[in-house]
């Protein structure tokens, strides 16, 4: 049997010189150290191309990211916070 690789091809962690398996992910000669092994077999990745827009629609609903801007409530909160922080300074000037 060939010696283990210096870096695990499955998880990328360092593998000790005489290890029988990766101490981090458990990969060994049968599961991921062979040259003909499928290193993504256990990751449950999609078969085709990944569609980010469809993924965000499915996961987060709606039509995607809003480009309208900041909601008015955040503007109001910012103004109130700014006034609260500046009020001691304004009291000193008046």
PDB file of N, CA and C in Angstrom:
ATOM      1  N   UNK A   1       0.846  -1.183   0.000  1.00  0.00           N
ATOM      2  CA  UNK A   1       0.000   0.000   0.000  1.00  0.00           C
ATOM      3  C   UNK A   1       0.889   1.243   0.000  1.00  0.00           C
ATOM      4  N   UNK A   2       0.461   2.237  -0.749  1.00  0.00           N
ATOM      5  CA  UNK A   2       1.210   3.482  -0.828  1.00  0.00           C
ATOM      6  C   UNK A   2       1.107   4.241   0.483  1.00  0.00           C
ATOM      7  N   UNK A   3       2.115   5.056   0.801  1.00  0.00           N
ATOM      8  CA  UNK A   3       2.019   5.879   2.015  1.00  0.00           C
ATOM      9  C   UNK A   3       0.952   6.953   1.825  1.00  0.00           C
ATOM     10  N   UNK A   4       0.424   7.466   2.930  1.00  0.00           N
ATOM     11  CA  UNK A   4      -0.614   8.495   2.803  1.00  0.00           C
ATOM     12  C   UNK A   4      -0.030   9.785   2.250  1.00  0.00           C
ATOM     13  N   UNK A   5      -0.862  10.631   1.667  1.00  0.00           N
ATOM     14  CA  UNK A   5      -0.383  11.926   1.176  1.00  0.00           C
ATOM     15  C   UNK A   5      -0.053  12.834   2.354  1.00  0.00           C
ATOM     16  N   UNK A   6       0.728  13.860   2.098  1.00  0.00           N
ATOM     17  CA  UNK A   6       1.056  14.818   3.156  1.00  0.00           C
ATOM     18  C   UNK A   6      -0.159  15.647   3.542  1.00  0.00           C
ATOM     19  N   UNK A   7      -1.003  15.943   2.560  1.00  0.00           N
ATOM     20  CA  UNK A   7      -2.229  16.711   2.786  1.00  0.00           C
ATOM     21  C   UNK A   7      -3.400  15.874   2.281  1.00  0.00           C
ATOM     22  N   UNK A   8      -4.445  15.774   3.106  1.00  0.00           N
ATOM     23  CA  UNK A   8      -5.623  14.987   2.733  1.00  0.00           C
ATOM     24  C   UNK A   8      -6.297  15.612   1.512  1.00  0.00           C
ATOM     25  N   UNK A   9      -6.520  14.830   0.441  1.00  0.00           N
ATOM     26  CA  UNK A   9      -7.172  15.383  -0.742  1.00  0.00           C
ATOM     27  C   UNK A   9      -8.663  15.620  -0.538  1.00  0.00           C
ATOM     28  N   UNK A  10      -9.240  15.119   0.549  1.00  0.00           N
ATOM     29  CA  UNK A  10     -10.663  15.290   0.798  1.00  0.00           C
ATOM     30  C   UNK A  10     -10.936  16.557   1.594  1.00  0.00           C
ATOM     31  N   UNK A  11     -10.194  16.736   2.737  1.00  0.00           N
ATOM     32  CA  UNK A  11     -10.496  17.890   3.602  1.00  0.00           C
ATOM     33  C   UNK A  11      -9.376  18.922   3.644  1.00  0.00           C
ATOM     34  N   UNK A  12      -8.176  18.595   3.148  1.00  0.00           N
ATOM     35  CA  UNK A  12      -7.092  19.557   3.092  1.00  0.00           C
ATOM     36  C   UNK A  12      -6.244  19.647   4.348  1.00  0.00           C
ATOM     37  N   UNK A  13      -6.502  18.812   5.345  1.00  0.00           N
ATOM     38  CA  UNK A  13      -5.713  18.835   6.579  1.00  0.00           C
ATOM     39  C   UNK A  13      -4.423  18.040   6.411  1.00  0.00           C
ATOM     40  N   UNK A  14      -3.427  18.360   7.245  1.00  0.00           N
ATOM     41  CA  UNK A  14      -2.174  17.616   7.240  1.00  0.00           C
ATOM     42  C   UNK A  14      -2.405  16.198   7.751  1.00  0.00           C
ATOM     43  N   UNK A  15      -1.769  15.235   7.112  1.00  0.00           N
ATOM     44  CA  UNK A  15      -1.896  13.834   7.497  1.00  0.00           C
ATOM     45  C   UNK A  15      -0.552  13.371   8.047  1.00  0.00           C
ATOM     46  N   UNK A  16      -0.530  12.773   9.257  1.00  0.00           N
ATOM     47  CA  UNK A  16       0.729  12.256   9.800  1.00  0.00           C
ATOM     48  C   UNK A  16       1.347  11.224   8.871  1.00  0.00           C
ATOM     49  N   UNK A  17       2.644  11.079   8.948  1.00  0.00           N
ATOM     50  CA  UNK A  17       3.417  10.259   8.013  1.00  0.00           C
ATOM     51  C   UNK A  17       2.933   8.818   7.924  1.00  0.00           C
ATOM     52  N   UNK A  18       2.663   8.150   9.018  1.00  0.00           N
ATOM     53  CA  UNK A  18       2.285   6.735   8.988  1.00  0.00           C
ATOM     54  C   UNK A  18       0.808   6.508   9.312  1.00  0.00           C
ATOM     55  N   UNK A  19      -0.012   7.494   9.067  1.00  0.00           N
ATOM     56  CA  UNK A  19      -1.437   7.384   9.384  1.00  0.00           C
ATOM     57  C   UNK A  19      -2.125   6.398   8.443  1.00  0.00           C
ATOM     58  N   UNK A  20      -3.100   5.690   8.987  1.00  0.00           N
ATOM     59  CA  UNK A  20      -3.921   4.789   8.180  1.00  0.00           C
ATOM     60  C   UNK A  20      -5.114   5.527   7.576  1.00  0.00           C
ATOM     61  N   UNK A  21      -5.469   6.643   8.208  1.00  0.00           N
ATOM     62  CA  UNK A  21      -6.595   7.450   7.746  1.00  0.00           C
ATOM     63  C   UNK A  21      -6.359   8.891   8.174  1.00  0.00           C
ATOM     64  N   UNK A  22      -7.058   9.807   7.553  1.00  0.00           N
ATOM     65  CA  UNK A  22      -6.963  11.223   7.918  1.00  0.00           C
ATOM     66  C   UNK A  22      -7.549  11.411   9.317  1.00  0.00           C
ATOM     67  N   UNK A  23      -6.815  12.019  10.234  1.00  0.00           N
ATOM     68  CA  UNK A  23      -7.348  12.208  11.579  1.00  0.00           C
ATOM     69  C   UNK A  23      -8.505  13.209  11.630  1.00  0.00           C
ATOM     70  N   UNK A  24      -8.666  14.023  10.609  1.00  0.00           N
ATOM     71  CA  UNK A  24      -9.712  15.045  10.619  1.00  0.00           C
ATOM     72  C   UNK A  24     -11.026  14.530  10.030  1.00  0.00           C
ATOM     73  N   UNK A  25     -10.976  13.941   8.831  1.00  0.00           N
ATOM     74  CA  UNK A  25     -12.222  13.536   8.166  1.00  0.00           C
ATOM     75  C   UNK A  25     -12.386  12.028   8.039  1.00  0.00           C
ATOM     76  N   UNK A  26     -11.330  11.252   8.314  1.00  0.00           N
ATOM     77  CA  UNK A  26     -11.439   9.797   8.255  1.00  0.00           C
ATOM     78  C   UNK A  26     -11.188   9.200   6.883  1.00  0.00           C
ATOM     79  N   UNK A  27     -10.837  10.011   5.902  1.00  0.00           N
ATOM     80  CA  UNK A  27     -10.565   9.471   4.567  1.00  0.00           C
ATOM     81  C   UNK A  27      -9.363   8.537   4.636  1.00  0.00           C
ATOM     82  N   UNK A  28      -9.407   7.493   3.822  1.00  0.00           N
ATOM     83  CA  UNK A  28      -8.280   6.562   3.776  1.00  0.00           C
ATOM     84  C   UNK A  28      -8.027   6.145   2.337  1.00  0.00           C
ATOM     85  N   UNK A  29      -7.194   5.119   2.156  1.00  0.00           N
ATOM     86  CA  UNK A  29      -6.834   4.686   0.804  1.00  0.00           C
ATOM     87  C   UNK A  29      -8.069   4.229   0.025  1.00  0.00           C
ATOM     88  N   UNK A  30      -9.029   3.650   0.708  1.00  0.00           N
ATOM     89  CA  UNK A  30     -10.214   3.150   0.015  1.00  0.00           C
ATOM     90  C   UNK A  30     -11.225   4.251  -0.301  1.00  0.00           C
ATOM     91  N   UNK A  31     -11.249   5.311   0.500  1.00  0.00           N
ATOM     92  CA  UNK A  31     -12.289   6.313   0.302  1.00  0.00           C
ATOM     93  C   UNK A  31     -11.838   7.598  -0.370  1.00  0.00           C
ATOM     94  N   UNK A  32     -10.544   7.900  -0.369  1.00  0.00           N
ATOM     95  CA  UNK A  32     -10.201   9.177  -0.968  1.00  0.00           C
ATOM     96  C   UNK A  32      -8.749   9.382  -1.313  1.00  0.00           C
ATOM     97  N   UNK A  33      -7.871   8.449  -0.965  1.00  0.00           N
ATOM     98  CA  UNK A  33      -6.459   8.653  -1.260  1.00  0.00           C
ATOM     99  C   UNK A  33      -6.033   8.022  -2.570  1.00  0.00           C
ATOM    100  N   UNK A  34      -6.909   7.227  -3.161  1.00  0.00           N
ATOM    101  CA  UNK A  34      -6.554   6.634  -4.453  1.00  0.00           C
ATOM    102  C   UNK A  34      -6.595   7.706  -5.524  1.00  0.00           C
ATOM    103  N   UNK A  35      -5.807   7.528  -6.536  1.00  0.00           N
ATOM    104  CA  UNK A  35      -5.805   8.506  -7.631  1.00  0.00           C
ATOM    105  C   UNK A  35      -7.122   8.498  -8.384  1.00  0.00           C
ATOM    106  N   UNK A  36      -7.808   7.340  -8.422  1.00  0.00           N
ATOM    107  CA  UNK A  36      -9.058   7.246  -9.160  1.00  0.00           C
ATOM    108  C   UNK A  36     -10.285   7.458  -8.271  1.00  0.00           C
ATOM    109  N   UNK A  37     -10.073   7.866  -7.011  1.00  0.00           N
ATOM    110  CA  UNK A  37     -11.192   8.053  -6.098  1.00  0.00           C
ATOM    111  C   UNK A  37     -11.950   9.331  -6.425  1.00  0.00           C
ATOM    112  N   UNK A  38     -13.238   9.285  -6.203  1.00  0.00           N
ATOM    113  CA  UNK A  38     -14.079  10.464  -6.380  1.00  0.00           C
ATOM    114  C   UNK A  38     -14.080  11.223  -5.065  1.00  0.00           C
ATOM    115  N   UNK A  39     -13.342  12.337  -5.004  1.00  0.00           N
ATOM    116  CA  UNK A  39     -13.173  13.042  -3.738  1.00  0.00           C
ATOM    117  C   UNK A  39     -14.415  13.816  -3.323  1.00  0.00           C
ATOM    118  N   UNK A  40     -15.403  13.955  -4.192  1.00  0.00           N
ATOM    119  CA  UNK A  40     -16.621  14.668  -3.813  1.00  0.00           C
ATOM    120  C   UNK A  40     -17.802  13.726  -3.679  1.00  0.00           C
ATOM    121  N   UNK A  41     -17.563  12.447  -3.656  1.00  0.00           N
ATOM    122  CA  UNK A  41     -18.652  11.469  -3.614  1.00  0.00           C
ATOM    123  C   UNK A  41     -19.540  11.588  -2.402  1.00  0.00           C
ATOM    124  N   UNK A  42     -19.007  11.879  -1.242  1.00  0.00           N
ATOM    125  CA  UNK A  42     -19.810  11.937  -0.035  1.00  0.00           C
ATOM    126  C   UNK A  42     -20.320  13.313   0.317  1.00  0.00           C
ATOM    127  N   UNK A  43     -20.155  14.298  -0.553  1.00  0.00           N
ATOM    128  CA  UNK A  43     -20.530  15.663  -0.218  1.00  0.00           C
ATOM    129  C   UNK A  43     -21.961  16.025  -0.591  1.00  0.00           C
ATOM    130  N   UNK A  44     -22.645  15.158  -1.326  1.00  0.00           N
ATOM    131  CA  UNK A  44     -24.022  15.407  -1.732  1.00  0.00           C
ATOM    132  C   UNK A  44     -24.148  16.718  -2.510  1.00  0.00           C
ATOM    133  N   UNK A  45     -23.283  16.902  -3.493  1.00  0.00           N
ATOM    134  CA  UNK A  45     -23.309  18.098  -4.337  1.00  0.00           C
ATOM    135  C   UNK A  45     -24.311  17.926  -5.467  1.00  0.00           C
ATOM    136  N   UNK A  46     -24.901  19.013  -5.970  1.00  0.00           N
ATOM    137  CA  UNK A  46     -25.828  18.887  -7.096  1.00  0.00           C
ATOM    138  C   UNK A  46     -25.099  18.426  -8.350  1.00  0.00           C
ATOM    139  N   UNK A  47     -25.840  17.747  -9.216  1.00  0.00           N
ATOM    140  CA  UNK A  47     -25.234  17.191 -10.418  1.00  0.00           C
ATOM    141  C   UNK A  47     -24.930  18.241 -11.480  1.00  0.00           C
ATOM    142  N   UNK A  48     -25.818  19.185 -11.694  1.00  0.00           N
ATOM    143  CA  UNK A  48     -25.644  20.159 -12.761  1.00  0.00           C
ATOM    144  C   UNK A  48     -24.999  21.446 -12.292  1.00  0.00           C
ATOM    145  N   UNK A  49     -25.108  22.461 -13.146  1.00  0.00           N
ATOM    146  CA  UNK A  49     -24.589  23.777 -12.793  1.00  0.00           C
ATOM    147  C   UNK A  49     -25.438  24.383 -11.679  1.00  0.00           C
ATOM    148  N   UNK A  50     -24.804  25.168 -10.833  1.00  0.00           N
ATOM    149  CA  UNK A  50     -25.476  25.787  -9.700  1.00  0.00           C
ATOM    150  C   UNK A  50     -26.063  27.120 -10.124  1.00  0.00           C
ATOM    151  N   UNK A  51     -27.363  27.297  -9.912  1.00  0.00           N
ATOM    152  CA  UNK A  51     -28.055  28.539 -10.259  1.00  0.00           C
ATOM    153  C   UNK A  51     -28.269  29.338  -8.975  1.00  0.00           C
ATOM    154  N   UNK A  52     -27.444  30.352  -8.760  1.00  0.00           N
ATOM    155  CA  UNK A  52     -27.486  31.133  -7.529  1.00  0.00           C
ATOM    156  C   UNK A  52     -28.808  31.865  -7.371  1.00  0.00           C
ATOM    157  N   UNK A  53     -29.324  32.440  -8.447  1.00  0.00           N
ATOM    158  CA  UNK A  53     -30.590  33.179  -8.388  1.00  0.00           C
ATOM    159  C   UNK A  53     -31.731  32.266  -7.958  1.00  0.00           C
ATOM    160  N   UNK A  54     -31.790  31.080  -8.521  1.00  0.00           N
ATOM    161  CA  UNK A  54     -32.841  30.128  -8.158  1.00  0.00           C
ATOM    162  C   UNK A  54     -32.675  29.684  -6.710  1.00  0.00           C
ATOM    163  N   UNK A  55     -31.440  29.499  -6.272  1.00  0.00           N
ATOM    164  CA  UNK A  55     -31.168  29.105  -4.888  1.00  0.00           C
ATOM    165  C   UNK A  55     -31.651  30.168  -3.906  1.00  0.00           C
ATOM    166  N   UNK A  56     -31.342  31.450  -4.165  1.00  0.00           N
ATOM    167  CA  UNK A  56     -31.764  32.507  -3.248  1.00  0.00           C
ATOM    168  C   UNK A  56     -33.283  32.661  -3.255  1.00  0.00           C
ATOM    169  N   UNK A  57     -33.914  32.492  -4.396  1.00  0.00           N
ATOM    170  CA  UNK A  57     -35.368  32.540  -4.458  1.00  0.00           C
ATOM    171  C   UNK A  57     -35.988  31.418  -3.634  1.00  0.00           C
ATOM    172  N   UNK A  58     -35.431  30.216  -3.754  1.00  0.00           N
ATOM    173  CA  UNK A  58     -35.953  29.062  -3.041  1.00  0.00           C
ATOM    174  C   UNK A  58     -35.712  29.181  -1.533  1.00  0.00           C
ATOM    175  N   UNK A  59     -34.524  29.633  -1.146  1.00  0.00           N
ATOM    176  CA  UNK A  59     -34.173  29.697   0.268  1.00  0.00           C
ATOM    177  C   UNK A  59     -34.789  30.894   0.987  1.00  0.00           C
ATOM    178  N   UNK A  60     -34.823  32.039   0.337  1.00  0.00           N
ATOM    179  CA  UNK A  60     -35.231  33.266   1.002  1.00  0.00           C
ATOM    180  C   UNK A  60     -36.554  33.828   0.505  1.00  0.00           C
ATOM    181  N   UNK A  61     -37.102  33.246  -0.535  1.00  0.00           N
ATOM    182  CA  UNK A  61     -38.380  33.697  -1.053  1.00  0.00           C
ATOM    183  C   UNK A  61     -38.270  35.042  -1.741  1.00  0.00           C
ATOM    184  N   UNK A  62     -39.372  35.487  -2.304  1.00  0.00           N
ATOM    185  CA  UNK A  62     -39.402  36.793  -2.945  1.00  0.00           C
ATOM    186  C   UNK A  62     -38.642  36.830  -4.254  1.00  0.00           C
ATOM    187  N   UNK A  63     -38.425  38.031  -4.710  1.00  0.00           N
ATOM    188  CA  UNK A  63     -37.796  38.239  -5.998  1.00  0.00           C
ATOM    189  C   UNK A  63     -36.324  38.557  -5.923  1.00  0.00           C
ATOM    190  N   UNK A  64     -35.670  38.249  -4.832  1.00  0.00           N
ATOM    191  CA  UNK A  64     -34.247  38.524  -4.731  1.00  0.00           C
ATOM    192  C   UNK A  64     -33.976  39.746  -3.879  1.00  0.00           C
ATOM    193  N   UNK A  65     -32.798  40.301  -4.021  1.00  0.00           N
ATOM    194  CA  UNK A  65     -32.372  41.432  -3.200  1.00  0.00           C
ATOM    195  C   UNK A  65     -33.107  42.708  -3.609  1.00  0.00           C
ATOM    196  N   UNK A  66     -33.425  43.533  -2.631  1.00  0.00           N
ATOM    197  CA  UNK A  66     -34.068  44.815  -2.922  1.00  0.00           C
ATOM    198  C   UNK A  66     -32.999  45.837  -3.286  1.00  0.00           C
ATOM    199  N   UNK A  67     -33.295  46.600  -4.311  1.00  0.00           N
ATOM    200  CA  UNK A  67     -32.362  47.638  -4.722  1.00  0.00           C
ATOM    201  C   UNK A  67     -32.949  49.025  -4.493  1.00  0.00           C
ATOM    202  N   UNK A  68     -34.056  49.095  -3.759  1.00  0.00           N
ATOM    203  CA  UNK A  68     -34.737  50.357  -3.532  1.00  0.00           C
ATOM    204  C   UNK A  68     -33.922  51.259  -2.628  1.00  0.00           C
ATOM    205  N   UNK A  69     -33.268  50.714  -1.658  1.00  0.00           N
ATOM    206  CA  UNK A  69     -32.499  51.514  -0.724  1.00  0.00           C
ATOM    207  C   UNK A  69     -32.864  51.172   0.700  1.00  0.00           C
ATOM    208  N   UNK A  70     -32.466  52.036   1.604  1.00  0.00           N
ATOM    209  CA  UNK A  70     -32.706  51.799   3.013  1.00  0.00           C
ATOM    210  C   UNK A  70     -34.156  52.156   3.340  1.00  0.00           C
ATOM    211  N   UNK A  71     -34.783  51.314   4.095  1.00  0.00           N
ATOM    212  CA  UNK A  71     -36.166  51.518   4.501  1.00  0.00           C
ATOM    213  C   UNK A  71     -36.266  52.784   5.359  1.00  0.00           C
ATOM    214  N   UNK A  72     -37.384  53.478   5.299  1.00  0.00           N
ATOM    215  CA  UNK A  72     -37.538  54.750   5.993  1.00  0.00           C
ATOM    216  C   UNK A  72     -37.377  54.622   7.502  1.00  0.00           C
ATOM    217  N   UNK A  73     -37.716  53.474   8.059  1.00  0.00           N
ATOM    218  CA  UNK A  73     -37.616  53.311   9.504  1.00  0.00           C
ATOM    219  C   UNK A  73     -36.164  53.385   9.972  1.00  0.00           C
ATOM    220  N   UNK A  74     -35.241  52.910   9.133  1.00  0.00           N
ATOM    221  CA  UNK A  74     -33.818  52.975   9.492  1.00  0.00           C
ATOM    222  C   UNK A  74     -33.310  54.417   9.423  1.00  0.00           C
ATOM    223  N   UNK A  75     -33.840  55.183   8.464  1.00  0.00           N
ATOM    224  CA  UNK A  75     -33.471  56.596   8.404  1.00  0.00           C
ATOM    225  C   UNK A  75     -33.956  57.323   9.661  1.00  0.00           C
ATOM    226  N   UNK A  76     -35.190  57.045  10.064  1.00  0.00           N
ATOM    227  CA  UNK A  76     -35.739  57.679  11.266  1.00  0.00           C
ATOM    228  C   UNK A  76     -34.935  57.283  12.499  1.00  0.00           C
ATOM    229  N   UNK A  77     -34.572  56.014  12.593  1.00  0.00           N
ATOM    230  CA  UNK A  77     -33.773  55.559  13.730  1.00  0.00           C
ATOM    231  C   UNK A  77     -32.414  56.250  13.753  1.00  0.00           C
ATOM    232  N   UNK A  78     -31.814  56.443  12.582  1.00  0.00           N
ATOM    233  CA  UNK A  78     -30.511  57.111  12.505  1.00  0.00           C
ATOM    234  C   UNK A  78     -30.612  58.570  12.933  1.00  0.00           C
ATOM    235  N   UNK A  79     -31.663  59.255  12.525  1.00  0.00           N
ATOM    236  CA  UNK A  79     -31.843  60.655  12.905  1.00  0.00           C
ATOM    237  C   UNK A  79     -32.058  60.775  14.407  1.00  0.00           C
ATOM    238  N   UNK A  80     -32.898  59.909  14.972  1.00  0.00           N
ATOM    239  CA  UNK A  80     -33.147  59.937  16.418  1.00  0.00           C
ATOM    240  C   UNK A  80     -31.867  59.649  17.192  1.00  0.00           C
ATOM    241  N   UNK A  81     -31.105  58.675  16.757  1.00  0.00           N
ATOM    242  CA  UNK A  81     -29.841  58.348  17.415  1.00  0.00           C
ATOM    243  C   UNK A  81     -28.852  59.506  17.315  1.00  0.00           C
ATOM    244  N   UNK A  82     -28.784  60.131  16.166  1.00  0.00           N
ATOM    245  CA  UNK A  82     -27.896  61.270  15.981  1.00  0.00           C
ATOM    246  C   UNK A  82     -28.296  62.435  16.891  1.00  0.00           C
ATOM    247  N   UNK A  83     -29.576  62.696  16.986  1.00  0.00           N
ATOM    248  CA  UNK A  83     -30.047  63.754  17.877  1.00  0.00           C
ATOM    249  C   UNK A  83     -29.755  63.424  19.340  1.00  0.00           C
ATOM    250  N   UNK A  84     -29.916  62.167  19.705  1.00  0.00           N
ATOM    251  CA  UNK A  84     -29.634  61.764  21.087  1.00  0.00           C
ATOM    252  C   UNK A  84     -28.151  61.917  21.405  1.00  0.00           C
ATOM    253  N   UNK A  85     -27.293  61.621  20.466  1.00  0.00           N
ATOM    254  CA  UNK A  85     -25.852  61.753  20.694  1.00  0.00           C
ATOM    255  C   UNK A  85     -25.395  63.204  20.689  1.00  0.00           C
ATOM    256  N   UNK A  86     -26.049  64.042  19.908  1.00  0.00           N
ATOM    257  CA  UNK A  86     -25.659  65.451  19.812  1.00  0.00           C
ATOM    258  C   UNK A  86     -26.349  66.343  20.833  1.00  0.00           C
ATOM    259  N   UNK A  87     -27.369  65.836  21.506  1.00  0.00           N
ATOM    260  CA  UNK A  87     -28.118  66.685  22.441  1.00  0.00           C
ATOM    261  C   UNK A  87     -27.239  67.247  23.573  1.00  0.00           C
ATOM    262  N   UNK A  88     -26.305  66.502  24.166  1.00  0.00           N
ATOM    263  CA  UNK A  88     -25.442  67.134  25.189  1.00  0.00           C
ATOM    264  C   UNK A  88     -24.604  68.275  24.619  1.00  0.00           C
ATOM    265  N   UNK A  89     -24.149  68.130  23.412  1.00  0.00           N
ATOM    266  CA  UNK A  89     -23.361  69.181  22.763  1.00  0.00           C
ATOM    267  C   UNK A  89     -24.234  70.400  22.482  1.00  0.00           C
ATOM    268  N   UNK A  90     -25.446  70.156  21.982  1.00  0.00           N
ATOM    269  CA  UNK A  90     -26.362  71.255  21.695  1.00  0.00           C
ATOM    270  C   UNK A  90     -26.787  71.989  22.975  1.00  0.00           C
ATOM    271  N   UNK A  91     -26.959  71.282  24.074  1.00  0.00           N
ATOM    272  CA  UNK A  91     -27.338  71.913  25.331  1.00  0.00           C
ATOM    273  C   UNK A  91     -26.215  72.825  25.832  1.00  0.00           C
ATOM    274  N   UNK A  92     -24.967  72.405  25.598  1.00  0.00           N
ATOM    275  CA  UNK A  92     -23.825  73.214  26.014  1.00  0.00           C
ATOM    276  C   UNK A  92     -23.693  74.491  25.211  1.00  0.00           C
ATOM    277  N   UNK A  93     -24.126  74.493  23.954  1.00  0.00           N
ATOM    278  CA  UNK A  93     -24.032  75.662  23.096  1.00  0.00           C
ATOM    279  C   UNK A  93     -25.156  76.653  23.366  1.00  0.00           C
ATOM    280  N   UNK A  94     -26.295  76.157  23.840  1.00  0.00           N
ATOM    281  CA  UNK A  94     -27.458  77.023  24.058  1.00  0.00           C
ATOM    282  C   UNK A  94     -27.483  77.566  25.433  1.00  0.00           C
TER     283      UNK A  94
END
